[in-house]
Amino acid sequence: MFDESQWIARAQTGDHEAFMALVKQYDHRVMAVVYRFTCDQFDRDDLYQEVFMAAFRHIKKFRQDSSFSTWLYRIALNRCMDQERKRKWPTSDQEPSESVDWEQRQKLKAIHLAIKRLPKKSRICFHLHYIEGFNIDEIADILPARPGTVKSHLHRARCSIRKDQEVLAWIQQEN
């Protein structure tokens, strides 16, 4: 049975096995964040490693004021934003899965491009809420920001996506 608080306590004493148990529990979620905010596979791998190295170096400072996943997401987002600032990387342009039909692929691509054009904070809030499934308070902890600020970013993101010309084109085709 995975008892996160016990693994965290052990990891804070320098127990590598405990830290690796935490990595195993959250590695897919960290990779999802890194994947959404970077393009190059090698850069993704480097960022992924940097996130967990930073977490390992700073786990003793984790006070459990928030959940471990929130703390880890904050590290991942900060690393991604640092890389974006350094290199001015665009977000991922990858096409939707081949299993989706052509029309659906075009819709997904239009939404993806609309999301890509959002301001950084709105894009992050949108991603965390609608793709990763975090609630407003959790996003506020991750960023850190006030819940009202997160709600504003989400509202602006939704409005912007609805007004995007490519998204509007296929919405009007359906009506």
C-alpha atoms as a PDB file:
ATOM      1  CA  MET A   1       0.000   0.000   0.000  1.00  0.00           C
ATOM      2  CA  PHE A   2       1.298   3.459  -0.901  1.00  0.00           C
ATOM      3  CA  ASP A   3       1.248   5.801   2.097  1.00  0.00           C
ATOM      4  CA  GLU A   4       2.496   9.080   0.682  1.00  0.00           C
ATOM      5  CA  SER A   5       3.160  10.801   4.005  1.00  0.00           C
ATOM      6  CA  GLN A   6       5.384   7.942   5.182  1.00  0.00           C
ATOM      7  CA  TRP A   7       7.326   7.909   1.901  1.00  0.00           C
ATOM      8  CA  ILE A   8       7.761  11.679   2.117  1.00  0.00           C
ATOM      9  CA  ALA A   9       9.018  11.472   5.709  1.00  0.00           C
ATOM     10  CA  ARG A  10      11.486   8.758   4.731  1.00  0.00           C
ATOM     11  CA  ALA A  11      12.609  10.668   1.633  1.00  0.00           C
ATOM     12  CA  GLN A  12      13.199  13.754   3.760  1.00  0.00           C
ATOM     13  CA  THR A  13      15.716  11.744   5.786  1.00  0.00           C
ATOM     14  CA  GLY A  14      17.620  10.895   2.597  1.00  0.00           C
ATOM     15  CA  ASP A  15      16.044   7.499   1.863  1.00  0.00           C
ATOM     16  CA  HIS A  16      16.516   7.009  -1.903  1.00  0.00           C
ATOM     17  CA  GLU A  17      14.101   4.078  -2.038  1.00  0.00           C
ATOM     18  CA  ALA A  18      11.333   6.224  -0.575  1.00  0.00           C
ATOM     19  CA  PHE A  19      12.034   9.020  -3.003  1.00  0.00           C
ATOM     20  CA  MET A  20      11.979   6.558  -5.908  1.00  0.00           C
ATOM     21  CA  ALA A  21       8.557   5.346  -4.721  1.00  0.00           C
ATOM     22  CA  LEU A  22       7.336   8.950  -4.942  1.00  0.00           C
ATOM     23  CA  VAL A  23       8.896   9.313  -8.392  1.00  0.00           C
ATOM     24  CA  LYS A  24       7.139   6.150  -9.531  1.00  0.00           C
ATOM     25  CA  GLN A  25       3.825   7.479  -8.226  1.00  0.00           C
ATOM     26  CA  TYR A  26       4.092  10.848 -10.019  1.00  0.00           C
ATOM     27  CA  ASP A  27       6.441  10.388 -12.977  1.00  0.00           C
ATOM     28  CA  HIS A  28       3.673  10.144 -15.592  1.00  0.00           C
ATOM     29  CA  ARG A  29       2.028  13.345 -14.368  1.00  0.00           C
ATOM     30  CA  VAL A  30       5.322  15.252 -14.382  1.00  0.00           C
ATOM     31  CA  MET A  31       6.081  14.003 -17.892  1.00  0.00           C
ATOM     32  CA  ALA A  32       2.615  15.158 -19.010  1.00  0.00           C
ATOM     33  CA  VAL A  33       3.353  18.698 -17.822  1.00  0.00           C
ATOM     34  CA  VAL A  34       6.793  18.722 -19.405  1.00  0.00           C
ATOM     35  CA  TYR A  35       5.360  17.260 -22.616  1.00  0.00           C
ATOM     36  CA  ARG A  36       2.741  20.001 -22.911  1.00  0.00           C
ATOM     37  CA  PHE A  37       5.216  22.820 -22.504  1.00  0.00           C
ATOM     38  CA  THR A  38       8.193  21.657 -24.572  1.00  0.00           C
ATOM     39  CA  CYS A  39       8.736  20.459 -28.120  1.00  0.00           C
ATOM     40  CA  ASP A  40      12.006  18.589 -28.351  1.00  0.00           C
ATOM     41  CA  GLN A  41      12.195  15.029 -26.971  1.00  0.00           C
ATOM     42  CA  PHE A  42      15.716  15.545 -25.591  1.00  0.00           C
ATOM     43  CA  ASP A  43      14.667  18.750 -23.868  1.00  0.00           C
ATOM     44  CA  ARG A  44      11.669  16.948 -22.392  1.00  0.00           C
ATOM     45  CA  ASP A  45      13.889  14.244 -20.970  1.00  0.00           C
ATOM     46  CA  ASP A  46      16.297  16.823 -19.550  1.00  0.00           C
ATOM     47  CA  LEU A  47      13.482  18.835 -17.965  1.00  0.00           C
ATOM     48  CA  TYR A  48      11.903  15.697 -16.542  1.00  0.00           C
ATOM     49  CA  GLN A  49      15.189  14.817 -14.866  1.00  0.00           C
ATOM     50  CA  GLU A  50      15.683  18.391 -13.662  1.00  0.00           C
ATOM     51  CA  VAL A  51      12.261  18.370 -11.999  1.00  0.00           C
ATOM     52  CA  PHE A  52      12.984  15.245 -10.003  1.00  0.00           C
ATOM     53  CA  MET A  53      16.538  16.324  -9.211  1.00  0.00           C
ATOM     54  CA  ALA A  54      15.196  19.615  -7.868  1.00  0.00           C
ATOM     55  CA  ALA A  55      12.535  17.750  -5.903  1.00  0.00           C
ATOM     56  CA  PHE A  56      15.167  15.460  -4.409  1.00  0.00           C
ATOM     57  CA  ARG A  57      17.434  18.385  -3.494  1.00  0.00           C
ATOM     58  CA  HIS A  58      14.591  20.321  -1.870  1.00  0.00           C
ATOM     59  CA  ILE A  59      12.391  17.594  -0.392  1.00  0.00           C
ATOM     60  CA  LYS A  60      13.624  18.463   3.102  1.00  0.00           C
ATOM     61  CA  LYS A  61      12.004  21.878   2.633  1.00  0.00           C
ATOM     62  CA  PHE A  62       8.616  20.343   1.751  1.00  0.00           C
ATOM     63  CA  ARG A  63       6.391  21.310   4.703  1.00  0.00           C
ATOM     64  CA  GLN A  64       3.242  19.478   3.565  1.00  0.00           C
ATOM     65  CA  ASP A  65       1.254  22.743   3.523  1.00  0.00           C
ATOM     66  CA  SER A  66      -0.047  21.491   0.193  1.00  0.00           C
ATOM     67  CA  SER A  67      -0.154  18.050  -1.344  1.00  0.00           C
ATOM     68  CA  PHE A  68       3.060  16.530  -2.640  1.00  0.00           C
ATOM     69  CA  SER A  69       1.641  16.482  -6.175  1.00  0.00           C
ATOM     70  CA  THR A  70       0.939  20.229  -5.970  1.00  0.00           C
ATOM     71  CA  TRP A  71       4.483  20.905  -4.781  1.00  0.00           C
ATOM     72  CA  LEU A  72       5.909  18.704  -7.543  1.00  0.00           C
ATOM     73  CA  TYR A  73       3.718  20.371 -10.197  1.00  0.00           C
ATOM     74  CA  ARG A  74       4.948  23.756  -9.053  1.00  0.00           C
ATOM     75  CA  ILE A  75       8.540  22.609  -9.540  1.00  0.00           C
ATOM     76  CA  ALA A  76       7.700  21.183 -12.981  1.00  0.00           C
ATOM     77  CA  LEU A  77       5.914  24.335 -14.141  1.00  0.00           C
ATOM     78  CA  ASN A  78       8.691  26.566 -12.844  1.00  0.00           C
ATOM     79  CA  ARG A  79      11.309  24.514 -14.713  1.00  0.00           C
ATOM     80  CA  CYS A  80       9.237  24.606 -17.907  1.00  0.00           C
ATOM     81  CA  MET A  81       8.709  28.363 -17.643  1.00  0.00           C
ATOM     82  CA  ASP A  82      12.421  28.892 -16.949  1.00  0.00           C
ATOM     83  CA  GLN A  83      13.271  26.930 -20.106  1.00  0.00           C
ATOM     84  CA  GLU A  84      10.679  28.841 -22.111  1.00  0.00           C
ATOM     85  CA  ARG A  85      12.172  32.150 -20.959  1.00  0.00           C
ATOM     86  CA  LYS A  86      15.707  31.008 -21.738  1.00  0.00           C
ATOM     87  CA  ARG A  87      15.013  29.642 -25.185  1.00  0.00           C
ATOM     88  CA  LYS A  88      11.695  31.178 -26.171  1.00  0.00           C
ATOM     89  CA  TRP A  89      10.431  27.709 -27.000  1.00  0.00           C
ATOM     90  CA  PRO A  90       6.975  27.316 -28.477  1.00  0.00           C
ATOM     91  CA  THR A  91       4.659  24.783 -26.923  1.00  0.00           C
ATOM     92  CA  SER A  92       4.246  21.373 -28.518  1.00  0.00           C
ATOM     93  CA  ASP A  93       2.742  21.292 -32.029  1.00  0.00           C
ATOM     94  CA  GLN A  94       2.235  17.575 -32.221  1.00  0.00           C
ATOM     95  CA  GLU A  95      -0.707  16.321 -34.178  1.00  0.00           C
ATOM     96  CA  PRO A  96      -3.540  14.485 -32.437  1.00  0.00           C
ATOM     97  CA  SER A  97      -3.449  10.694 -32.448  1.00  0.00           C
ATOM     98  CA  GLU A  98      -3.761   8.836 -35.762  1.00  0.00           C
ATOM     99  CA  SER A  99      -6.804   6.954 -34.453  1.00  0.00           C
ATOM    100  CA  VAL A 100      -8.906  10.133 -34.590  1.00  0.00           C
ATOM    101  CA  ASP A 101     -10.709  10.782 -37.897  1.00  0.00           C
ATOM    102  CA  TRP A 102      -9.620  13.672 -40.148  1.00  0.00           C
ATOM    103  CA  GLU A 103     -12.440  16.045 -39.184  1.00  0.00           C
ATOM    104  CA  GLN A 104     -11.903  15.410 -35.494  1.00  0.00           C
ATOM    105  CA  ARG A 105      -8.147  15.929 -36.001  1.00  0.00           C
ATOM    106  CA  GLN A 106      -8.839  19.339 -37.547  1.00  0.00           C
ATOM    107  CA  LYS A 107     -11.037  20.334 -34.613  1.00  0.00           C
ATOM    108  CA  LEU A 108      -8.432  19.190 -32.105  1.00  0.00           C
ATOM    109  CA  LYS A 109      -5.709  20.999 -34.010  1.00  0.00           C
ATOM    110  CA  ALA A 110      -7.770  24.221 -34.037  1.00  0.00           C
ATOM    111  CA  ILE A 111      -8.309  23.996 -30.284  1.00  0.00           C
ATOM    112  CA  HIS A 112      -4.653  23.130 -29.704  1.00  0.00           C
ATOM    113  CA  LEU A 113      -3.529  26.165 -31.708  1.00  0.00           C
ATOM    114  CA  ALA A 114      -6.025  28.394 -29.886  1.00  0.00           C
ATOM    115  CA  ILE A 115      -4.645  27.164 -26.563  1.00  0.00           C
ATOM    116  CA  LYS A 116      -1.104  27.712 -27.814  1.00  0.00           C
ATOM    117  CA  ARG A 117      -1.927  31.363 -28.545  1.00  0.00           C
ATOM    118  CA  LEU A 118      -3.172  32.025 -25.014  1.00  0.00           C
ATOM    119  CA  PRO A 119      -1.038  34.125 -22.675  1.00  0.00           C
ATOM    120  CA  LYS A 120       1.250  31.923 -20.588  1.00  0.00           C
ATOM    121  CA  LYS A 121      -0.659  32.093 -17.267  1.00  0.00           C
ATOM    122  CA  SER A 122      -4.014  31.469 -18.959  1.00  0.00           C
ATOM    123  CA  ARG A 123      -2.525  28.572 -20.942  1.00  0.00           C
ATOM    124  CA  ILE A 124      -1.112  27.022 -17.763  1.00  0.00           C
ATOM    125  CA  CYS A 125      -4.392  27.434 -15.853  1.00  0.00           C
ATOM    126  CA  PHE A 126      -6.348  25.976 -18.778  1.00  0.00           C
ATOM    127  CA  HIS A 127      -3.984  23.027 -19.045  1.00  0.00           C
ATOM    128  CA  LEU A 128      -4.019  22.277 -15.323  1.00  0.00           C
ATOM    129  CA  HIS A 129      -7.803  22.530 -15.054  1.00  0.00           C
ATOM    130  CA  TYR A 130      -9.102  20.966 -18.252  1.00  0.00           C
ATOM    131  CA  ILE A 131      -6.321  18.566 -19.166  1.00  0.00           C
ATOM    132  CA  GLU A 132      -4.808  17.583 -15.813  1.00  0.00           C
ATOM    133  CA  GLY A 133      -8.070  17.873 -13.857  1.00  0.00           C
ATOM    134  CA  PHE A 134      -6.937  20.120 -11.004  1.00  0.00           C
ATOM    135  CA  ASN A 135      -9.532  22.229  -9.214  1.00  0.00           C
ATOM    136  CA  ILE A 136      -9.234  26.009  -8.736  1.00  0.00           C
ATOM    137  CA  ASP A 137      -7.684  25.817  -5.261  1.00  0.00           C
ATOM    138  CA  GLU A 138      -5.096  23.257  -6.334  1.00  0.00           C
ATOM    139  CA  ILE A 139      -4.102  25.415  -9.310  1.00  0.00           C
ATOM    140  CA  ALA A 140      -3.831  28.419  -7.001  1.00  0.00           C
ATOM    141  CA  ASP A 141      -1.416  26.422  -4.827  1.00  0.00           C
ATOM    142  CA  ILE A 142       0.611  25.259  -7.819  1.00  0.00           C
ATOM    143  CA  LEU A 143       1.105  28.658  -9.445  1.00  0.00           C
ATOM    144  CA  PRO A 144       0.924  30.266  -6.621  1.00  0.00           C
ATOM    145  CA  ALA A 145      -1.967  32.661  -7.142  1.00  0.00           C
ATOM    146  CA  ARG A 146      -5.286  33.529  -5.581  1.00  0.00           C
ATOM    147  CA  PRO A 147      -8.256  31.376  -6.556  1.00  0.00           C
ATOM    148  CA  GLY A 148      -9.965  34.448  -8.030  1.00  0.00           C
ATOM    149  CA  THR A 149      -6.956  35.051 -10.261  1.00  0.00           C
ATOM    150  CA  VAL A 150      -7.069  31.447 -11.460  1.00  0.00           C
ATOM    151  CA  LYS A 151     -10.792  31.814 -12.219  1.00  0.00           C
ATOM    152  CA  SER A 152     -10.046  34.978 -14.203  1.00  0.00           C
ATOM    153  CA  HIS A 153      -7.348  33.243 -16.229  1.00  0.00           C
ATOM    154  CA  LEU A 154      -9.691  30.330 -16.960  1.00  0.00           C
ATOM    155  CA  HIS A 155     -12.497  32.682 -17.971  1.00  0.00           C
ATOM    156  CA  ARG A 156     -10.207  34.642 -20.289  1.00  0.00           C
ATOM    157  CA  ALA A 157      -8.871  31.405 -21.761  1.00  0.00           C
ATOM    158  CA  ARG A 158     -12.362  30.058 -22.477  1.00  0.00           C
ATOM    159  CA  CYS A 159     -13.443  33.371 -24.009  1.00  0.00           C
ATOM    160  CA  SER A 160     -10.322  33.574 -26.130  1.00  0.00           C
ATOM    161  CA  ILE A 161     -10.716  30.011 -27.386  1.00  0.00           C
ATOM    162  CA  ARG A 162     -14.411  30.598 -28.222  1.00  0.00           C
ATOM    163  CA  LYS A 163     -13.463  33.718 -30.201  1.00  0.00           C
ATOM    164  CA  ASP A 164     -10.578  32.069 -32.055  1.00  0.00           C
ATOM    165  CA  GLN A 165     -11.281  32.189 -35.804  1.00  0.00           C
ATOM    166  CA  GLU A 166     -10.340  28.566 -36.493  1.00  0.00           C
ATOM    167  CA  VAL A 167     -12.436  27.296 -33.607  1.00  0.00           C
ATOM    168  CA  LEU A 168     -15.362  29.515 -34.637  1.00  0.00           C
ATOM    169  CA  ALA A 169     -15.180  28.159 -38.188  1.00  0.00           C
ATOM    170  CA  TRP A 170     -15.801  24.560 -37.187  1.00  0.00           C
ATOM    171  CA  ILE A 171     -18.353  25.476 -34.504  1.00  0.00           C
ATOM    172  CA  GLN A 172     -20.372  27.320 -37.160  1.00  0.00           C
ATOM    173  CA  GLN A 173     -20.085  24.330 -39.502  1.00  0.00           C
ATOM    174  CA  GLU A 174     -21.699  22.113 -36.881  1.00  0.00           C
ATOM    175  CA  ASN A 175     -24.643  24.475 -36.321  1.00  0.00           C
END
